[in-house]
Amino acid sequence: MYPVSAKFLAALRSGYQRKIVVSAWRGATRLDVPLEVTGGAVTYTAGTGIRAKLDLELASARGLWDALAPAGVQLRPAWVMRLPDRSTEQVPLGRFDIDEQSLRYAPGGGISLTAPDGWVRVQRARFTRPTTTRGSALDEAVRLVREATAVGVASVDGPDAVTRAQVWEEDRDDAVAKLLASVGCEGFLDRDGRLVVREVPTTKGTPAWSVDHSLTGVLVEADRQRSRQRTYNSVTVRPSQLDGSVFSPLTVEDTDPTSPTYVGGPFGRVTRYYSSPLVTTTTQATSAATALLRRVKGLAAQVNLTAAMNPALDPGDVISVVYPPRDRTGLTSERHLVEEVTVPLTGDPVQTIRTRSTRPEGDTEGEV
């Protein structure tokens, strides 16, 4: 979750005033153009690559259409709250490269824009000649990203595994994703446009936010879903070379007897296979299998939430979802990972959150 104060989080539950501000930049120069927001939203989605997408509607103004031509202009929206003590706190919503632009010639018409975050530059910076990576998978992934877009690095955290030399023909984005997946990591640009590389999140740790049903709660509506489809409790990583020159096939399983997807339980053993030429050691295979298992054994439990706004929530955040009382015995709380979250840019006071849990029934915290 983007760092905010305790006063900010408390105000989300007790009432506040807020406004959306957007600035436009070309390189290091802020453009002097009027940007009156009339609609839109920012949607954040988990995984490596483009993390956030902006849909923005602006009131028409003289010269605005040409000033915002999609050729190097970056938009930076922010959510500004006025706290009860009359101070303000700002939450940036990201940095976005304008991708498409349309103008409505009608009464009340305006300009509509769509803009992905800066990772789109990695996608578009395809290799002009075959490129070789060797050595640390994390270091090489960071290098490929920074060659495409000279972003700062916020953090790099993951296993320091050495990968075999690999030649990439064209797709830089695919090369970065595969390098990171080979060591169980993901990479993206944060809201300040800086590179973050980290291990794939799990539900362990203290929840960053509680979406709860209580007197000061923020839960409006919840839709719980469960399914066996695409749920696995065993991941086997096989070498791409079968001549015995690297590692032997390695399997990581859900061995928690309390888990509904325990391999020794009634769920049975359901195996997914994974192979990559970048995985050449037992250590790398273990990291890749463990990271993949974290994701595929949790797809069976999802919750779609409508909740009071928290603009600081990000994909990968652990949240506690507290449901209304069942049989008047208390509130059932589950721990989930945020998969997708939307921040409306209008006066809508609620947002949608899609989550997953690492267990089919949710990672239950108990009765509270």
Protein backbone atom coordinates (compact mmCIF):
# COMPACT_ATOMS: atom_id res chain seq x y z
CA MET A 1 0.00 0.00 0.00
CA TYR A 2 1.25 3.46 -0.79
CA PRO A 3 2.54 4.98 2.48
CA VAL A 4 -0.10 7.18 4.12
CA SER A 5 -0.57 8.48 7.65
CA ALA A 6 -2.75 6.97 10.36
CA LYS A 7 -4.84 10.16 10.18
CA PHE A 8 -5.44 9.51 6.48
CA LEU A 9 -6.64 5.94 7.11
CA ALA A 10 -8.85 7.06 9.99
CA ALA A 11 -10.44 9.76 7.83
CA LEU A 12 -11.37 7.17 5.19
CA ARG A 13 -13.72 5.68 7.80
CA SER A 14 -15.06 8.88 9.36
CA GLY A 15 -15.56 11.30 6.47
CA TYR A 16 -13.37 13.64 4.45
CA GLN A 17 -13.21 16.01 1.52
CA ARG A 18 -11.14 15.16 -1.52
CA LYS A 19 -10.30 16.31 -5.02
CA ILE A 20 -8.50 14.88 -8.03
CA VAL A 21 -5.65 16.87 -9.54
CA VAL A 22 -3.86 15.99 -12.78
CA SER A 23 -0.67 17.48 -14.17
CA ALA A 24 0.80 16.96 -17.64
CA TRP A 25 4.53 16.65 -18.28
CA ARG A 26 6.81 16.46 -21.29
CA GLY A 27 10.08 15.15 -19.96
CA ALA A 28 11.05 17.23 -16.94
CA THR A 29 8.84 20.16 -17.99
CA ARG A 30 5.38 20.60 -16.53
CA LEU A 31 2.91 21.81 -19.17
CA ASP A 32 0.82 24.89 -18.42
CA VAL A 33 -2.54 23.50 -19.58
CA PRO A 34 -5.97 23.44 -17.85
CA LEU A 35 -6.94 19.91 -16.83
CA GLU A 36 -10.49 19.76 -15.46
CA VAL A 37 -11.36 16.14 -14.67
CA THR A 38 -14.94 15.14 -15.55
CA GLY A 39 -14.64 11.35 -15.30
CA GLY A 40 -12.47 8.29 -15.52
CA ALA A 41 -10.65 5.81 -13.30
CA VAL A 42 -7.27 4.22 -12.61
CA THR A 43 -7.18 0.41 -12.60
CA TYR A 44 -4.30 -1.48 -10.99
CA THR A 45 -3.65 -5.15 -11.82
CA ALA A 46 -1.15 -7.60 -10.30
CA GLY A 47 1.78 -9.16 -12.12
CA THR A 48 4.88 -8.21 -14.09
CA GLY A 49 4.48 -5.52 -16.72
CA ILE A 50 1.96 -2.71 -17.06
CA ARG A 51 0.60 -2.32 -13.54
CA ALA A 52 -1.80 0.59 -13.93
CA LYS A 53 -4.02 2.00 -16.67
CA LEU A 54 -5.64 5.42 -16.71
CA ASP A 55 -8.94 6.26 -18.40
CA LEU A 56 -9.46 10.00 -18.16
CA GLU A 57 -12.13 12.42 -19.31
CA LEU A 58 -11.35 16.13 -19.39
CA ALA A 59 -13.41 19.23 -20.13
CA SER A 60 -12.48 20.78 -23.46
CA ALA A 61 -10.27 23.86 -23.40
CA ARG A 62 -8.55 25.89 -26.08
CA GLY A 63 -5.29 24.29 -27.17
CA LEU A 64 -5.72 21.23 -24.96
CA TRP A 65 -6.18 18.77 -27.82
CA ASP A 66 -2.81 19.64 -29.36
CA ALA A 67 -1.03 20.00 -26.01
CA LEU A 68 -1.96 16.44 -25.04
CA ALA A 69 -1.05 14.77 -28.33
CA PRO A 70 0.07 11.18 -27.54
CA ALA A 71 3.73 11.70 -28.37
CA GLY A 72 5.76 11.93 -25.19
CA VAL A 73 3.22 13.53 -22.84
CA GLN A 74 2.93 11.99 -19.37
CA LEU A 75 -0.06 12.43 -17.05
CA ARG A 76 0.29 12.37 -13.26
CA PRO A 77 -3.05 12.20 -11.41
CA ALA A 78 -3.20 12.46 -7.63
CA TRP A 79 -5.86 12.01 -4.97
CA VAL A 80 -5.80 14.87 -2.44
CA MET A 81 -7.61 14.55 0.91
CA ARG A 82 -8.45 17.35 3.31
CA LEU A 83 -8.11 15.92 6.82
CA PRO A 84 -10.31 16.91 9.78
CA ASP A 85 -7.50 19.15 11.12
CA ARG A 86 -7.69 21.01 7.74
CA SER A 87 -4.29 19.77 6.62
CA THR A 88 -4.03 17.91 3.30
CA GLU A 89 -2.41 14.65 2.26
CA GLN A 90 -1.76 13.59 -1.31
CA VAL A 91 -1.64 10.09 -2.81
CA PRO A 92 -0.13 9.85 -6.31
CA LEU A 93 -2.02 7.50 -8.61
CA GLY A 94 0.82 6.84 -11.03
CA ARG A 95 2.61 8.19 -14.08
CA PHE A 96 0.99 7.45 -17.42
CA ASP A 97 2.05 7.79 -21.06
CA ILE A 98 -0.85 8.97 -23.23
CA ASP A 99 -1.73 6.17 -25.63
CA GLU A 100 -5.02 7.18 -27.25
CA GLN A 101 -6.92 10.45 -27.49
CA SER A 102 -10.44 11.25 -28.70
CA LEU A 103 -12.52 14.44 -28.87
CA ARG A 104 -16.32 14.66 -28.74
CA TYR A 105 -17.91 17.39 -30.86
CA ALA A 106 -21.22 17.67 -28.99
CA PRO A 107 -22.83 19.69 -26.22
CA GLY A 108 -20.94 18.88 -23.06
CA GLY A 109 -18.28 17.12 -25.14
CA GLY A 110 -14.71 16.81 -23.95
CA ILE A 111 -11.47 14.93 -24.41
CA SER A 112 -11.10 11.25 -23.53
CA LEU A 113 -7.67 9.75 -22.94
CA THR A 114 -6.32 6.28 -22.23
CA ALA A 115 -2.84 5.90 -20.82
CA PRO A 116 -0.85 2.92 -19.47
CA ASP A 117 1.94 3.35 -16.97
CA GLY A 118 5.58 3.72 -18.03
CA TRP A 119 6.14 -0.02 -18.48
CA VAL A 120 4.63 0.45 -21.94
CA ARG A 121 8.06 1.78 -22.94
CA VAL A 122 9.55 -1.61 -22.08
CA GLN A 123 6.92 -3.30 -24.23
CA ARG A 124 7.60 -1.03 -27.18
CA ALA A 125 11.41 -1.05 -26.96
CA ARG A 126 11.83 -4.30 -28.87
CA PHE A 127 15.36 -5.49 -29.51
CA THR A 128 16.82 -4.28 -32.82
CA ARG A 129 19.22 -7.24 -32.82
CA PRO A 130 19.47 -10.48 -30.84
CA THR A 131 20.43 -9.72 -27.22
CA THR A 132 22.14 -12.02 -24.74
CA THR A 133 21.60 -12.13 -21.00
CA ARG A 134 23.88 -13.96 -18.57
CA GLY A 135 24.65 -13.94 -14.88
CA SER A 136 22.18 -12.71 -12.25
CA ALA A 137 18.59 -12.98 -13.48
CA LEU A 138 17.56 -9.99 -11.35
CA ASP A 139 20.44 -7.80 -12.51
CA GLU A 140 19.78 -8.64 -16.14
CA ALA A 141 16.06 -7.94 -15.82
CA VAL A 142 16.78 -4.55 -14.24
CA ARG A 143 19.27 -3.77 -17.01
CA LEU A 144 16.78 -4.55 -19.77
CA VAL A 145 14.13 -2.35 -18.15
CA ARG A 146 16.46 0.59 -17.61
CA GLU A 147 17.77 0.39 -21.17
CA ALA A 148 14.20 0.96 -22.37
CA THR A 149 13.26 3.64 -19.87
CA ALA A 150 15.74 5.41 -17.62
CA VAL A 151 13.67 5.01 -14.46
CA GLY A 152 14.98 5.06 -10.95
CA VAL A 153 15.08 1.85 -8.92
CA ALA A 154 12.93 1.78 -5.79
CA SER A 155 13.87 -1.73 -4.65
CA VAL A 156 15.18 -5.07 -5.89
CA ASP A 157 14.48 -7.99 -3.59
CA GLY A 158 14.74 -11.64 -4.54
CA PRO A 159 17.09 -14.62 -4.81
CA ASP A 160 20.46 -13.78 -6.36
CA ALA A 161 20.40 -16.70 -8.78
CA VAL A 162 22.73 -17.01 -11.76
CA THR A 163 21.06 -17.99 -15.01
CA ARG A 164 22.55 -19.55 -18.13
CA ALA A 165 23.30 -17.39 -21.14
CA GLN A 166 20.12 -16.83 -23.15
CA VAL A 167 19.61 -15.11 -26.50
CA TRP A 168 16.44 -13.03 -26.97
CA GLU A 169 15.34 -12.24 -30.51
CA GLU A 170 12.81 -9.38 -30.31
CA ASP A 171 10.53 -9.11 -27.27
CA ARG A 172 12.17 -7.20 -24.40
CA ASP A 173 9.06 -7.34 -22.20
CA ASP A 174 8.88 -11.12 -22.55
CA ALA A 175 12.58 -11.45 -21.71
CA VAL A 176 12.14 -9.45 -18.50
CA ALA A 177 9.06 -11.43 -17.46
CA LYS A 178 10.77 -14.78 -18.03
CA LEU A 179 13.96 -13.74 -16.23
CA LEU A 180 11.95 -12.70 -13.18
CA ALA A 181 9.66 -15.75 -13.28
CA SER A 182 12.71 -18.02 -13.30
CA VAL A 183 13.54 -16.82 -9.76
CA GLY A 184 9.96 -16.45 -8.49
CA CYS A 185 9.79 -12.65 -8.78
CA GLU A 186 7.68 -9.94 -10.40
CA GLY A 187 8.58 -6.47 -11.63
CA PHE A 188 6.65 -3.25 -12.20
CA LEU A 189 6.82 0.53 -11.88
CA ASP A 190 5.45 2.05 -8.68
CA ARG A 191 3.24 5.13 -8.45
CA ASP A 192 6.29 7.40 -8.57
CA GLY A 193 7.52 5.73 -11.75
CA ARG A 194 10.34 3.76 -10.10
CA LEU A 195 11.22 0.13 -10.72
CA VAL A 196 10.23 -2.44 -8.11
CA VAL A 197 11.39 -6.06 -8.27
CA ARG A 198 10.16 -8.39 -5.53
CA GLU A 199 9.26 -11.96 -4.77
CA VAL A 200 5.67 -12.89 -5.65
CA PRO A 201 3.52 -11.80 -2.66
CA THR A 202 1.77 -14.20 -0.30
CA THR A 203 -0.87 -13.66 2.38
CA LYS A 204 1.67 -13.90 5.18
CA GLY A 205 2.28 -10.78 7.25
CA THR A 206 0.07 -8.12 8.77
CA PRO A 207 -2.85 -6.96 6.59
CA ALA A 208 -2.39 -3.45 5.23
CA TRP A 209 -6.13 -2.67 5.35
CA SER A 210 -9.33 -4.15 6.72
CA VAL A 211 -12.40 -4.21 4.49
CA ASP A 212 -14.87 -4.81 7.27
CA HIS A 213 -18.53 -4.85 8.17
CA SER A 214 -18.77 -2.82 11.39
CA LEU A 215 -19.95 0.54 12.74
CA THR A 216 -16.97 2.25 11.10
CA GLY A 217 -16.57 -0.39 8.40
CA VAL A 218 -15.93 0.15 4.70
CA LEU A 219 -17.45 -3.02 3.21
CA VAL A 220 -20.44 -2.29 0.96
CA GLU A 221 -20.87 -5.56 -0.92
CA ALA A 222 -19.00 -8.84 -1.38
CA ASP A 223 -19.31 -11.66 -3.91
CA ARG A 224 -17.44 -14.85 -2.94
CA GLN A 225 -16.51 -17.45 -5.55
CA ARG A 226 -14.96 -20.91 -5.31
CA SER A 227 -13.93 -23.34 -8.03
CA ARG A 228 -11.61 -26.30 -8.53
CA GLN A 229 -10.80 -25.28 -12.08
CA ARG A 230 -7.19 -24.18 -12.66
CA THR A 231 -6.34 -25.01 -9.03
CA TYR A 232 -3.18 -27.01 -8.40
CA ASN A 233 -1.47 -28.22 -5.24
CA SER A 234 1.68 -29.56 -6.88
CA VAL A 235 4.13 -27.83 -9.23
CA THR A 236 6.84 -29.75 -11.05
CA VAL A 237 9.65 -27.82 -12.73
CA ARG A 238 11.31 -29.80 -15.48
CA PRO A 239 14.58 -28.84 -17.19
CA SER A 240 14.31 -27.70 -20.76
CA GLN A 241 17.30 -29.94 -21.52
CA LEU A 242 16.68 -33.62 -20.87
CA ASP A 243 20.26 -34.82 -21.21
CA GLY A 244 20.92 -34.75 -17.46
CA SER A 245 23.38 -31.85 -17.70
CA VAL A 246 21.34 -29.59 -15.40
CA PHE A 247 18.97 -30.45 -12.53
CA SER A 248 16.56 -33.33 -12.12
CA PRO A 249 12.81 -32.56 -12.22
CA LEU A 250 11.80 -30.88 -8.96
CA THR A 251 8.37 -30.82 -7.32
CA VAL A 252 6.97 -28.44 -4.70
CA GLU A 253 3.65 -29.38 -3.10
CA ASP A 254 1.08 -28.06 -0.65
CA THR A 255 2.17 -30.06 2.40
CA ASP A 256 0.12 -28.16 4.99
CA PRO A 257 -2.27 -30.73 6.54
CA THR A 258 -4.67 -27.92 7.53
CA SER A 259 -4.95 -26.66 3.94
CA PRO A 260 -8.01 -27.67 1.88
CA THR A 261 -5.61 -28.33 -1.03
CA TYR A 262 -3.25 -30.51 1.00
CA VAL A 263 -1.75 -33.12 -1.35
CA GLY A 264 -2.48 -35.88 1.15
CA GLY A 265 -6.09 -34.85 1.67
CA PRO A 266 -9.42 -35.36 -0.12
CA PHE A 267 -8.59 -32.72 -2.76
CA GLY A 268 -6.16 -35.17 -4.32
CA ARG A 269 -2.92 -34.35 -6.12
CA VAL A 270 -3.27 -31.98 -9.08
CA THR A 271 0.03 -31.16 -10.77
CA ARG A 272 1.07 -28.27 -12.97
CA TYR A 273 4.26 -28.44 -15.02
CA TYR A 274 6.67 -25.61 -15.72
CA SER A 275 9.82 -25.40 -17.81
CA SER A 276 12.16 -22.58 -18.79
CA PRO A 277 15.62 -22.54 -20.37
CA LEU A 278 16.56 -19.95 -17.75
CA VAL A 279 16.08 -22.42 -14.90
CA THR A 280 19.30 -24.40 -14.72
CA THR A 281 19.86 -25.15 -11.01
CA THR A 282 17.95 -26.83 -8.22
CA THR A 283 17.85 -23.52 -6.33
CA GLN A 284 16.23 -21.71 -9.26
CA ALA A 285 13.79 -24.56 -9.80
CA THR A 286 12.75 -24.44 -6.15
CA SER A 287 12.21 -20.66 -6.26
CA ALA A 288 10.19 -20.85 -9.48
CA ALA A 289 8.05 -23.77 -8.29
CA THR A 290 7.37 -22.19 -4.90
CA ALA A 291 6.32 -18.87 -6.44
CA LEU A 292 4.06 -20.56 -8.98
CA LEU A 293 2.44 -22.74 -6.32
CA ARG A 294 1.59 -19.64 -4.29
CA ARG A 295 -0.50 -18.41 -7.18
CA VAL A 296 -2.11 -21.51 -8.60
CA LYS A 297 -3.33 -22.99 -5.34
CA GLY A 298 -5.16 -19.74 -4.53
CA LEU A 299 -7.17 -19.25 -7.71
CA ALA A 300 -10.08 -21.26 -6.33
CA ALA A 301 -10.99 -18.59 -3.79
CA GLN A 302 -11.84 -15.12 -5.02
CA VAL A 303 -13.80 -12.23 -3.58
CA ASN A 304 -15.14 -9.30 -5.56
CA LEU A 305 -15.65 -6.36 -3.22
CA THR A 306 -17.33 -3.01 -3.32
CA ALA A 307 -15.90 -0.87 -0.56
CA ALA A 308 -15.49 2.69 0.58
CA MET A 309 -12.55 4.31 -1.14
CA ASN A 310 -8.92 3.69 -0.20
CA PRO A 311 -6.81 5.19 -3.01
CA ALA A 312 -3.57 3.88 -1.47
CA LEU A 313 -4.37 0.17 -2.05
CA ASP A 314 -2.13 -1.67 -4.52
CA PRO A 315 -2.10 -5.14 -6.09
CA GLY A 316 -0.22 -7.57 -3.87
CA ASP A 317 -1.43 -5.90 -0.67
CA VAL A 318 -2.72 -8.26 2.00
CA ILE A 319 -6.15 -7.23 3.23
CA SER A 320 -8.47 -8.64 5.84
CA VAL A 321 -12.02 -9.11 4.58
CA VAL A 322 -14.54 -9.16 7.44
CA TYR A 323 -18.02 -10.33 6.48
CA PRO A 324 -21.38 -9.64 8.18
CA PRO A 325 -22.25 -11.88 11.16
CA ARG A 326 -23.24 -15.47 10.44
CA ASP A 327 -25.82 -16.89 12.83
CA ARG A 328 -25.04 -13.96 15.12
CA THR A 329 -21.92 -15.73 16.38
CA GLY A 330 -19.39 -13.15 15.26
CA LEU A 331 -17.66 -11.85 12.14
CA THR A 332 -15.78 -14.21 9.84
CA SER A 333 -12.47 -12.76 8.71
CA GLU A 334 -10.40 -13.96 5.75
CA ARG A 335 -7.01 -12.84 4.56
CA HIS A 336 -6.70 -12.14 0.84
CA LEU A 337 -4.30 -10.68 -1.71
CA VAL A 338 -5.46 -7.76 -3.84
CA GLU A 339 -5.39 -8.80 -7.51
CA GLU A 340 -7.09 -5.75 -9.02
CA VAL A 341 -8.32 -2.47 -7.60
CA THR A 342 -10.00 0.53 -9.25
CA VAL A 343 -9.87 4.14 -8.11
CA PRO A 344 -12.65 6.25 -9.70
CA LEU A 345 -11.74 9.85 -10.55
CA THR A 346 -15.28 11.12 -10.10
CA GLY A 347 -17.36 11.79 -7.00
CA ASP A 348 -18.06 8.07 -6.58
CA PRO A 349 -17.21 7.27 -2.93
CA VAL A 350 -16.67 3.52 -3.52
CA GLN A 351 -14.21 1.33 -5.40
CA THR A 352 -14.11 -2.24 -6.65
CA ILE A 353 -11.50 -4.72 -5.41
CA ARG A 354 -10.87 -8.20 -6.78
CA THR A 355 -8.90 -10.51 -4.52
CA ARG A 356 -7.60 -14.04 -4.31
CA SER A 357 -6.62 -16.20 -1.39
CA THR A 358 -3.88 -18.81 -1.15
CA ARG A 359 -6.48 -21.29 0.07
CA PRO A 360 -9.79 -22.29 -1.53
CA GLU A 361 -11.73 -21.29 1.58
CA GLY A 362 -9.67 -18.16 2.19
CA ASP A 363 -6.85 -17.92 4.66
CA THR A 364 -9.11 -17.80 7.69
CA GLU A 365 -7.99 -15.68 10.60
CA GLY A 366 -10.82 -16.83 12.87
CA GLU A 367 -13.71 -15.19 14.64
CA VAL A 368 -13.35 -11.62 15.84
